[in-house]
């Protein structure tokens, strides 16, 4: 029973993204979403975002990605304001 509880805690703990120190306020996001390419598989748009390098922000452009048969929806990554600054929350499938 204790082993099961420890395994659950390790699994849940592994869901939390490793995060560095908070970043300053990220620049506004301005992106034009292109028309999706012709594809034999379903695609979803993963929006672009600002990556914090530790000293500056660098734009990572959005892209269309194969759904790969995954159930659910894509939760886009986003910057979250905290009391200590801004923290990056990575995208994930829901």
N, C-alpha and C. Protein backbone atom coordinates (compact mmCIF):
# COMPACT_ATOMS: atom_id res chain seq x y z
N UNK A 1 0.82 -1.19 0.00
CA UNK A 1 0.00 0.00 0.00
C UNK A 1 0.87 1.26 0.00
N UNK A 2 1.90 1.29 0.87
CA UNK A 2 2.80 2.44 0.92
C UNK A 2 3.54 2.61 -0.39
N UNK A 3 3.94 1.49 -1.00
CA UNK A 3 4.65 1.53 -2.27
C UNK A 3 3.77 2.14 -3.36
N UNK A 4 2.48 1.81 -3.34
CA UNK A 4 1.53 2.36 -4.30
C UNK A 4 1.41 3.87 -4.12
N UNK A 5 1.32 4.33 -2.86
CA UNK A 5 1.21 5.76 -2.57
C UNK A 5 2.46 6.50 -3.03
N UNK A 6 3.62 5.92 -2.81
CA UNK A 6 4.88 6.53 -3.25
C UNK A 6 4.91 6.61 -4.77
N UNK A 7 4.49 5.56 -5.45
CA UNK A 7 4.48 5.55 -6.91
C UNK A 7 3.55 6.63 -7.45
N UNK A 8 2.40 6.81 -6.83
CA UNK A 8 1.46 7.85 -7.27
C UNK A 8 2.07 9.23 -7.06
N UNK A 9 2.71 9.46 -5.92
CA UNK A 9 3.34 10.75 -5.68
C UNK A 9 4.45 11.03 -6.69
N UNK A 10 5.22 10.01 -7.03
CA UNK A 10 6.28 10.20 -8.02
C UNK A 10 5.71 10.52 -9.39
N UNK A 11 4.61 9.85 -9.75
CA UNK A 11 3.98 10.13 -11.04
C UNK A 11 3.41 11.53 -11.09
N UNK A 12 2.72 11.94 -10.03
CA UNK A 12 2.14 13.28 -9.99
C UNK A 12 3.25 14.32 -9.95
N UNK A 13 4.28 14.07 -9.19
CA UNK A 13 5.41 15.00 -9.11
C UNK A 13 6.10 15.16 -10.45
N UNK A 14 6.10 14.10 -11.25
CA UNK A 14 6.72 14.17 -12.57
C UNK A 14 5.93 15.01 -13.55
N UNK A 15 4.67 15.33 -13.23
CA UNK A 15 3.84 16.15 -14.11
C UNK A 15 4.15 17.63 -13.96
N UNK A 16 4.84 18.01 -12.91
CA UNK A 16 5.17 19.41 -12.70
C UNK A 16 6.41 19.73 -13.51
N UNK A 17 6.32 20.78 -14.33
CA UNK A 17 7.45 21.16 -15.19
C UNK A 17 8.57 21.75 -14.35
N UNK A 18 9.79 21.38 -14.70
CA UNK A 18 10.94 21.99 -14.06
C UNK A 18 11.01 23.44 -14.52
N UNK A 19 11.11 24.35 -13.58
CA UNK A 19 11.10 25.75 -13.92
C UNK A 19 12.27 26.45 -13.28
N UNK A 20 12.86 27.37 -14.01
CA UNK A 20 13.94 28.18 -13.48
C UNK A 20 13.36 29.38 -12.76
N UNK A 21 14.21 30.37 -12.50
CA UNK A 21 13.71 31.57 -11.84
C UNK A 21 12.71 32.30 -12.73
N UNK A 22 11.78 33.03 -12.13
CA UNK A 22 10.77 33.74 -12.91
C UNK A 22 11.41 34.73 -13.88
N UNK A 23 10.76 34.93 -15.00
CA UNK A 23 11.21 35.86 -16.03
C UNK A 23 10.49 37.19 -15.86
N UNK A 24 11.03 38.26 -16.48
CA UNK A 24 10.28 39.52 -16.47
C UNK A 24 9.05 39.40 -17.37
N UNK A 25 8.27 40.45 -17.46
CA UNK A 25 7.06 40.44 -18.27
C UNK A 25 7.42 40.11 -19.73
N UNK A 26 6.79 39.06 -20.31
CA UNK A 26 7.11 38.72 -21.69
C UNK A 26 6.50 39.74 -22.66
N UNK A 27 7.12 39.91 -23.84
CA UNK A 27 6.56 40.81 -24.84
C UNK A 27 5.19 40.31 -25.29
N UNK A 28 4.37 41.19 -25.89
CA UNK A 28 3.07 40.73 -26.38
C UNK A 28 3.24 39.72 -27.51
N UNK A 29 2.29 38.83 -27.62
CA UNK A 29 2.32 37.83 -28.68
C UNK A 29 1.55 38.38 -29.87
N UNK A 30 2.19 38.40 -31.01
CA UNK A 30 1.54 38.83 -32.25
C UNK A 30 1.96 37.85 -33.33
N UNK A 31 1.01 37.05 -33.76
CA UNK A 31 1.34 36.02 -34.73
C UNK A 31 0.18 35.86 -35.70
N UNK A 32 0.51 35.78 -36.97
CA UNK A 32 -0.50 35.49 -37.98
C UNK A 32 -0.47 33.99 -38.23
N UNK A 33 -1.62 33.36 -38.06
CA UNK A 33 -1.68 31.91 -38.26
C UNK A 33 -1.86 31.63 -39.75
N UNK A 34 -0.90 30.92 -40.34
CA UNK A 34 -1.02 30.61 -41.77
C UNK A 34 -2.10 29.56 -42.02
N UNK A 35 -2.52 29.48 -43.26
CA UNK A 35 -3.47 28.43 -43.63
C UNK A 35 -2.80 27.09 -43.42
N UNK A 36 -3.54 26.08 -42.98
CA UNK A 36 -2.91 24.77 -42.77
C UNK A 36 -2.49 24.15 -44.10
N UNK A 37 -1.40 23.42 -44.07
CA UNK A 37 -0.97 22.73 -45.28
C UNK A 37 -1.92 21.58 -45.61
N UNK A 38 -1.94 21.19 -46.86
CA UNK A 38 -2.72 20.02 -47.25
C UNK A 38 -2.04 18.81 -46.62
N UNK A 39 -2.81 18.00 -45.92
CA UNK A 39 -2.22 16.88 -45.19
C UNK A 39 -3.20 15.72 -45.15
N UNK A 40 -2.69 14.50 -45.29
CA UNK A 40 -3.57 13.33 -45.18
C UNK A 40 -3.94 13.02 -43.73
N UNK A 41 -3.28 13.69 -42.78
CA UNK A 41 -3.55 13.45 -41.36
C UNK A 41 -4.09 14.73 -40.72
N UNK A 42 -4.90 14.62 -39.66
CA UNK A 42 -5.40 15.82 -38.98
C UNK A 42 -4.26 16.59 -38.32
N UNK A 43 -4.31 17.90 -38.47
CA UNK A 43 -3.29 18.76 -37.88
C UNK A 43 -3.93 19.73 -36.90
N UNK A 44 -3.14 20.20 -35.94
CA UNK A 44 -3.58 21.25 -35.04
C UNK A 44 -2.48 22.30 -34.97
N UNK A 45 -2.89 23.53 -34.72
CA UNK A 45 -1.94 24.63 -34.65
C UNK A 45 -1.39 24.75 -33.23
N UNK A 46 -0.07 24.73 -33.11
CA UNK A 46 0.60 25.03 -31.85
C UNK A 46 1.12 26.45 -32.00
N UNK A 47 0.57 27.41 -31.25
CA UNK A 47 0.97 28.80 -31.44
C UNK A 47 2.40 29.06 -31.03
N UNK A 48 2.96 30.11 -31.62
CA UNK A 48 4.30 30.54 -31.24
C UNK A 48 4.30 31.12 -29.84
N UNK A 49 5.48 31.29 -29.29
CA UNK A 49 5.60 31.82 -27.94
C UNK A 49 6.99 32.42 -27.73
N UNK A 50 7.12 33.17 -26.68
CA UNK A 50 8.41 33.72 -26.30
C UNK A 50 9.12 32.77 -25.35
N UNK A 51 10.35 32.39 -25.68
CA UNK A 51 11.20 31.59 -24.79
C UNK A 51 12.12 32.53 -24.02
N UNK A 52 12.29 32.30 -22.75
CA UNK A 52 13.20 33.09 -21.92
C UNK A 52 14.54 32.37 -21.87
N UNK A 53 15.62 33.03 -22.27
CA UNK A 53 16.95 32.42 -22.30
C UNK A 53 17.70 32.62 -20.99
N UNK A 54 17.13 33.37 -20.08
CA UNK A 54 17.82 33.70 -18.83
C UNK A 54 18.29 35.14 -18.86
N UNK A 55 18.37 35.72 -20.08
CA UNK A 55 18.78 37.13 -20.19
C UNK A 55 17.92 37.91 -21.19
N UNK A 56 17.20 37.20 -22.06
CA UNK A 56 16.34 37.87 -23.04
C UNK A 56 15.28 36.89 -23.55
N UNK A 57 14.29 37.44 -24.23
CA UNK A 57 13.25 36.62 -24.85
C UNK A 57 13.61 36.37 -26.32
N UNK A 58 13.32 35.15 -26.79
CA UNK A 58 13.54 34.75 -28.18
C UNK A 58 12.23 34.16 -28.69
N UNK A 59 11.78 34.59 -29.87
CA UNK A 59 10.51 34.12 -30.43
C UNK A 59 10.66 32.71 -31.00
N UNK A 60 9.77 31.81 -30.61
CA UNK A 60 9.69 30.46 -31.18
C UNK A 60 8.40 30.43 -32.01
N UNK A 61 8.50 30.37 -33.34
CA UNK A 61 7.30 30.45 -34.18
C UNK A 61 6.38 29.26 -34.00
N UNK A 62 5.10 29.48 -34.28
CA UNK A 62 4.11 28.42 -34.20
C UNK A 62 4.25 27.46 -35.37
N UNK A 63 3.55 26.35 -35.27
CA UNK A 63 3.62 25.35 -36.33
C UNK A 63 2.40 24.44 -36.28
N UNK A 64 2.09 23.83 -37.40
CA UNK A 64 1.04 22.81 -37.43
C UNK A 64 1.69 21.48 -37.10
N UNK A 65 1.03 20.71 -36.25
CA UNK A 65 1.56 19.41 -35.85
C UNK A 65 0.50 18.33 -36.03
N UNK A 66 0.96 17.14 -36.30
CA UNK A 66 0.10 15.97 -36.46
C UNK A 66 -0.53 15.63 -35.11
N UNK A 67 -1.83 15.44 -35.11
CA UNK A 67 -2.50 15.04 -33.87
C UNK A 67 -2.06 13.66 -33.42
N UNK A 68 -1.58 12.85 -34.35
CA UNK A 68 -1.04 11.54 -34.00
C UNK A 68 -2.03 10.62 -33.32
N UNK A 69 -3.32 10.79 -33.57
CA UNK A 69 -4.31 9.92 -32.96
C UNK A 69 -4.53 10.19 -31.49
N UNK A 70 -3.96 11.29 -30.98
CA UNK A 70 -4.13 11.60 -29.54
C UNK A 70 -5.56 12.01 -29.27
N UNK A 71 -6.14 11.50 -28.19
CA UNK A 71 -7.47 11.96 -27.82
C UNK A 71 -7.37 13.31 -27.09
N UNK A 72 -8.41 14.06 -27.10
CA UNK A 72 -8.43 15.31 -26.35
C UNK A 72 -7.96 16.50 -27.16
N UNK A 73 -7.65 17.55 -26.45
CA UNK A 73 -7.27 18.82 -27.07
C UNK A 73 -5.88 19.23 -26.63
N UNK A 74 -5.24 20.04 -27.46
CA UNK A 74 -3.93 20.60 -27.13
C UNK A 74 -4.13 21.85 -26.30
N UNK A 75 -3.52 21.92 -25.13
CA UNK A 75 -3.53 23.11 -24.29
C UNK A 75 -2.25 23.86 -24.62
N UNK A 76 -2.40 25.00 -25.26
CA UNK A 76 -1.24 25.77 -25.70
C UNK A 76 -0.41 26.23 -24.50
N UNK A 77 0.90 26.33 -24.69
CA UNK A 77 1.74 26.84 -23.60
C UNK A 77 1.43 28.32 -23.36
N UNK A 78 1.76 28.80 -22.18
CA UNK A 78 1.49 30.20 -21.87
C UNK A 78 2.38 30.68 -20.74
N UNK A 79 2.54 32.00 -20.65
CA UNK A 79 3.25 32.63 -19.54
C UNK A 79 2.23 32.95 -18.46
N UNK A 80 2.54 32.57 -17.23
CA UNK A 80 1.63 32.79 -16.11
C UNK A 80 2.28 33.77 -15.14
N UNK A 81 1.51 34.79 -14.77
CA UNK A 81 2.00 35.77 -13.81
C UNK A 81 1.89 35.19 -12.41
N UNK A 82 2.98 35.29 -11.65
CA UNK A 82 2.99 34.85 -10.25
C UNK A 82 3.42 36.04 -9.40
N UNK A 83 3.33 35.90 -8.12
CA UNK A 83 3.77 36.97 -7.23
C UNK A 83 5.26 37.27 -7.37
N UNK A 84 6.04 36.30 -7.83
CA UNK A 84 7.49 36.47 -7.96
C UNK A 84 7.92 36.86 -9.37
N UNK A 85 7.01 36.86 -10.34
CA UNK A 85 7.36 37.17 -11.72
C UNK A 85 6.57 36.28 -12.66
N UNK A 86 7.05 36.15 -13.87
CA UNK A 86 6.37 35.35 -14.90
C UNK A 86 7.02 33.98 -15.02
N UNK A 87 6.18 32.94 -15.11
CA UNK A 87 6.66 31.55 -15.20
C UNK A 87 6.05 30.89 -16.42
N UNK A 88 6.87 30.18 -17.19
CA UNK A 88 6.43 29.49 -18.39
C UNK A 88 5.71 28.20 -18.03
N UNK A 89 4.51 28.01 -18.58
CA UNK A 89 3.75 26.78 -18.41
C UNK A 89 3.74 26.07 -19.76
N UNK A 90 4.42 24.94 -19.89
CA UNK A 90 4.51 24.26 -21.19
C UNK A 90 3.16 23.72 -21.66
N UNK A 91 3.02 23.58 -22.98
CA UNK A 91 1.82 23.03 -23.57
C UNK A 91 1.72 21.53 -23.28
N UNK A 92 0.49 21.02 -23.36
CA UNK A 92 0.30 19.59 -23.11
C UNK A 92 -1.04 19.15 -23.69
N UNK A 93 -1.20 17.86 -23.83
CA UNK A 93 -2.46 17.28 -24.31
C UNK A 93 -3.37 17.06 -23.13
N UNK A 94 -4.65 17.40 -23.30
CA UNK A 94 -5.64 17.22 -22.22
C UNK A 94 -6.60 16.11 -22.62
